[in-house]
């Protein structure tokens, strides 16, 4: 056996480097760590698989579900950040907000050619868009005919501002079947 010096090997074992036992000790260290490397590799693959499945499930749920306000869906998750949500039936919360802005909506409609008052004022459906606050695109029935609808965009600032909702735009001469949105 040739003399060598001691060195700390894998797992804290000492072996002689440069001696005849050097090769034997390093082979034993490699063989003993091989099963551990296999287990660790399998564990890493399993974690990666779970992460991929979770991401796919989250994406699927984000498209199929909606956030809620007062228990009612908002339509905010449509798979595209900043995009318009799907059209939803009117909720009490949104109807209350629209009702509180009725006078402001009437003045804007009159400035766009409406003569007199609304015959009916019934919010029908809405879509949302999350920006630095929330845009509500609301379809409102204002008369007894299928052609007596308006579309109103209401902006609700973020809560920290302490500001209330305000009417930003109004589109006249809409029908019951017109889509709600910017260019509808």
Protein backbone atom coordinates (compact mmCIF):
# COMPACT_ATOMS: atom_id res chain seq x y z
CA UNK A 1 0.00 0.00 0.00
CA UNK A 2 1.44 3.36 -1.02
CA UNK A 3 1.33 6.15 1.56
CA UNK A 4 -0.95 9.18 0.97
CA UNK A 5 -2.73 11.90 2.99
CA UNK A 6 -6.19 11.95 4.57
CA UNK A 7 -9.03 13.77 2.88
CA UNK A 8 -12.68 14.16 3.82
CA UNK A 9 -14.82 12.45 1.23
CA UNK A 10 -18.50 12.34 0.43
CA UNK A 11 -20.72 11.98 3.52
CA UNK A 12 -17.89 13.05 5.84
CA UNK A 13 -15.84 9.82 5.62
CA UNK A 14 -12.07 10.11 5.64
CA UNK A 15 -9.98 8.27 3.11
CA UNK A 16 -6.39 8.31 2.06
CA UNK A 17 -5.71 10.27 -1.09
CA UNK A 18 -2.91 9.04 -3.27
CA UNK A 19 -2.83 5.59 -1.68
CA UNK A 20 -4.15 2.31 -3.01
CA UNK A 21 -7.36 2.73 -1.02
CA UNK A 22 -8.14 6.03 -2.76
CA UNK A 23 -9.76 4.37 -5.75
CA UNK A 24 -11.75 1.95 -3.61
CA UNK A 25 -13.03 4.73 -1.29
CA UNK A 26 -14.10 6.96 -4.17
CA UNK A 27 -15.93 4.08 -5.87
CA UNK A 28 -17.74 3.23 -2.65
CA UNK A 29 -18.74 6.90 -2.21
CA UNK A 30 -20.09 7.04 -5.77
CA UNK A 31 -22.07 3.82 -5.38
CA UNK A 32 -23.61 4.93 -2.06
CA UNK A 33 -24.74 8.32 -3.46
CA UNK A 34 -26.19 6.88 -6.69
CA UNK A 35 -29.51 5.77 -5.13
CA UNK A 36 -29.82 9.15 -3.43
CA UNK A 37 -29.31 10.93 -6.74
CA UNK A 38 -32.00 8.75 -8.33
CA UNK A 39 -34.45 9.52 -5.51
CA UNK A 40 -33.67 13.23 -5.70
CA UNK A 41 -34.09 13.25 -9.48
CA UNK A 42 -37.43 11.45 -9.21
CA UNK A 43 -38.54 13.92 -6.55
CA UNK A 44 -37.63 16.91 -8.73
CA UNK A 45 -39.54 15.42 -11.69
CA UNK A 46 -42.59 14.78 -9.49
CA UNK A 47 -42.56 18.37 -8.19
CA UNK A 48 -42.23 19.75 -11.74
CA UNK A 49 -45.15 17.58 -12.87
CA UNK A 50 -47.34 18.83 -10.00
CA UNK A 51 -46.43 22.46 -10.75
CA UNK A 52 -47.34 22.06 -14.43
CA UNK A 53 -50.66 20.40 -13.58
CA UNK A 54 -51.45 23.11 -11.02
CA UNK A 55 -50.68 25.86 -13.53
CA UNK A 56 -52.93 24.25 -16.15
CA UNK A 57 -55.76 23.83 -13.62
CA UNK A 58 -55.39 27.44 -12.44
CA UNK A 59 -55.52 28.73 -16.01
CA UNK A 60 -58.62 26.63 -16.72
CA UNK A 61 -60.33 27.89 -13.56
CA UNK A 62 -59.40 31.52 -14.27
CA UNK A 63 -61.21 31.38 -17.59
CA UNK A 64 -64.22 29.47 -16.26
CA UNK A 65 -64.84 31.31 -12.99
CA UNK A 66 -65.44 34.90 -12.03
CA UNK A 67 -64.52 37.13 -9.14
CA UNK A 68 -67.43 38.20 -6.97
CA UNK A 69 -68.72 41.46 -5.55
CA UNK A 70 -71.34 40.94 -2.87
CA UNK A 71 -71.63 37.29 -3.90
CA UNK A 72 -72.40 38.13 -7.54
CA UNK A 73 -69.93 37.34 -10.35
CA UNK A 74 -68.13 40.33 -11.84
CA UNK A 75 -66.95 38.76 -15.09
CA UNK A 76 -63.43 40.06 -14.49
CA UNK A 77 -61.56 36.85 -15.30
CA UNK A 78 -61.78 36.38 -19.00
CA UNK A 79 -58.25 35.18 -19.63
CA UNK A 80 -56.83 38.57 -20.69
CA UNK A 81 -55.51 41.20 -18.29
CA UNK A 82 -57.26 44.53 -18.84
CA UNK A 83 -59.75 43.00 -21.26
CA UNK A 84 -63.51 43.23 -21.00
CA UNK A 85 -65.21 40.53 -18.96
CA UNK A 86 -68.18 38.56 -20.22
CA UNK A 87 -71.66 40.12 -20.19
CA UNK A 88 -73.44 39.31 -16.94
CA UNK A 89 -77.01 39.74 -15.74
CA UNK A 90 -77.60 42.78 -13.53
CA UNK A 91 -76.81 42.44 -9.82
CA UNK A 92 -78.24 44.46 -6.96
CA UNK A 93 -74.89 46.13 -6.24
CA UNK A 94 -74.34 47.29 -9.83
CA UNK A 95 -78.02 48.29 -10.23
CA UNK A 96 -77.74 50.42 -7.08
CA UNK A 97 -74.59 52.13 -8.40
CA UNK A 98 -76.27 52.81 -11.77
CA UNK A 99 -79.43 54.08 -10.04
CA UNK A 100 -77.40 56.50 -7.96
CA UNK A 101 -76.04 57.99 -11.22
CA UNK A 102 -79.44 58.25 -12.97
CA UNK A 103 -79.50 62.08 -12.99
CA UNK A 104 -75.96 62.28 -14.37
CA UNK A 105 -76.85 59.70 -17.05
CA UNK A 106 -80.04 61.64 -17.94
CA UNK A 107 -78.14 64.93 -18.38
CA UNK A 108 -75.58 63.22 -20.62
CA UNK A 109 -78.36 61.54 -22.68
CA UNK A 110 -80.12 64.90 -23.08
CA UNK A 111 -76.88 66.49 -24.27
CA UNK A 112 -76.77 63.75 -26.94
CA UNK A 113 -80.32 64.40 -28.17
CA UNK A 114 -82.77 62.74 -25.77
CA UNK A 115 -85.87 64.90 -25.37
CA UNK A 116 -87.42 64.79 -21.92
CA UNK A 117 -86.99 62.05 -19.33
CA UNK A 118 -86.47 58.30 -19.51
CA UNK A 119 -89.77 56.41 -19.94
CA UNK A 120 -88.15 53.44 -18.17
CA UNK A 121 -84.77 53.21 -16.43
CA UNK A 122 -83.86 49.55 -16.06
CA UNK A 123 -80.24 48.34 -16.01
CA UNK A 124 -80.22 45.00 -17.87
CA UNK A 125 -76.67 43.65 -18.02
CA UNK A 126 -73.07 44.75 -17.63
CA UNK A 127 -69.43 43.94 -18.34
CA UNK A 128 -66.39 44.99 -16.36
CA UNK A 129 -62.85 45.96 -17.18
CA UNK A 130 -60.22 46.23 -14.47
CA UNK A 131 -57.98 49.24 -15.00
CA UNK A 132 -56.73 51.58 -12.24
CA UNK A 133 -60.19 51.00 -10.83
CA UNK A 134 -63.10 49.35 -12.64
CA UNK A 135 -64.96 50.32 -15.79
CA UNK A 136 -68.57 49.12 -15.81
CA UNK A 137 -70.15 48.89 -19.26
CA UNK A 138 -73.90 48.85 -18.60
CA UNK A 139 -76.85 48.20 -20.92
CA UNK A 140 -79.89 50.23 -19.73
CA UNK A 141 -83.43 50.00 -21.06
CA UNK A 142 -84.88 53.53 -21.27
CA UNK A 143 -88.15 52.92 -23.14
CA UNK A 144 -90.76 50.32 -23.96
CA UNK A 145 -89.41 49.44 -27.42
CA UNK A 146 -86.59 46.97 -28.30
CA UNK A 147 -84.70 49.93 -29.78
CA UNK A 148 -84.83 52.01 -26.60
CA UNK A 149 -81.54 51.15 -24.94
CA UNK A 150 -78.40 53.05 -24.07
CA UNK A 151 -74.93 51.85 -23.15
CA UNK A 152 -73.14 53.67 -20.37
CA UNK A 153 -69.52 53.42 -19.22
CA UNK A 154 -69.13 54.11 -15.50
CA UNK A 155 -65.71 54.36 -13.88
CA UNK A 156 -65.32 53.30 -10.24
CA UNK A 157 -61.92 54.49 -8.91
CA UNK A 158 -59.90 52.34 -6.53
CA UNK A 159 -61.19 52.48 -2.93
CA UNK A 160 -58.15 54.27 -1.49
CA UNK A 161 -59.03 57.40 -3.51
CA UNK A 162 -62.27 57.87 -1.58
CA UNK A 163 -63.99 58.91 -4.83
CA UNK A 164 -67.34 57.59 -5.99
CA UNK A 165 -68.32 56.25 -9.41
CA UNK A 166 -68.77 58.64 -12.33
CA UNK A 167 -70.28 58.39 -15.80
CA UNK A 168 -67.58 58.58 -18.48
CA UNK A 169 -69.48 57.96 -21.70
CA UNK A 170 -72.87 57.13 -23.15
CA UNK A 171 -73.96 55.58 -26.44
CA UNK A 172 -77.47 56.28 -27.73
CA UNK A 173 -79.75 54.32 -30.10
CA UNK A 174 -78.87 50.85 -28.89
CA UNK A 175 -81.04 47.74 -29.18
CA UNK A 176 -81.70 44.80 -26.88
CA UNK A 177 -79.32 42.61 -28.91
CA UNK A 178 -76.36 45.02 -29.19
CA UNK A 179 -73.18 43.91 -27.44
CA UNK A 180 -71.87 46.11 -24.65
CA UNK A 181 -68.36 47.54 -25.08
CA UNK A 182 -66.29 50.44 -26.33
CA UNK A 183 -67.33 50.24 -29.98
CA UNK A 184 -70.73 48.58 -29.69
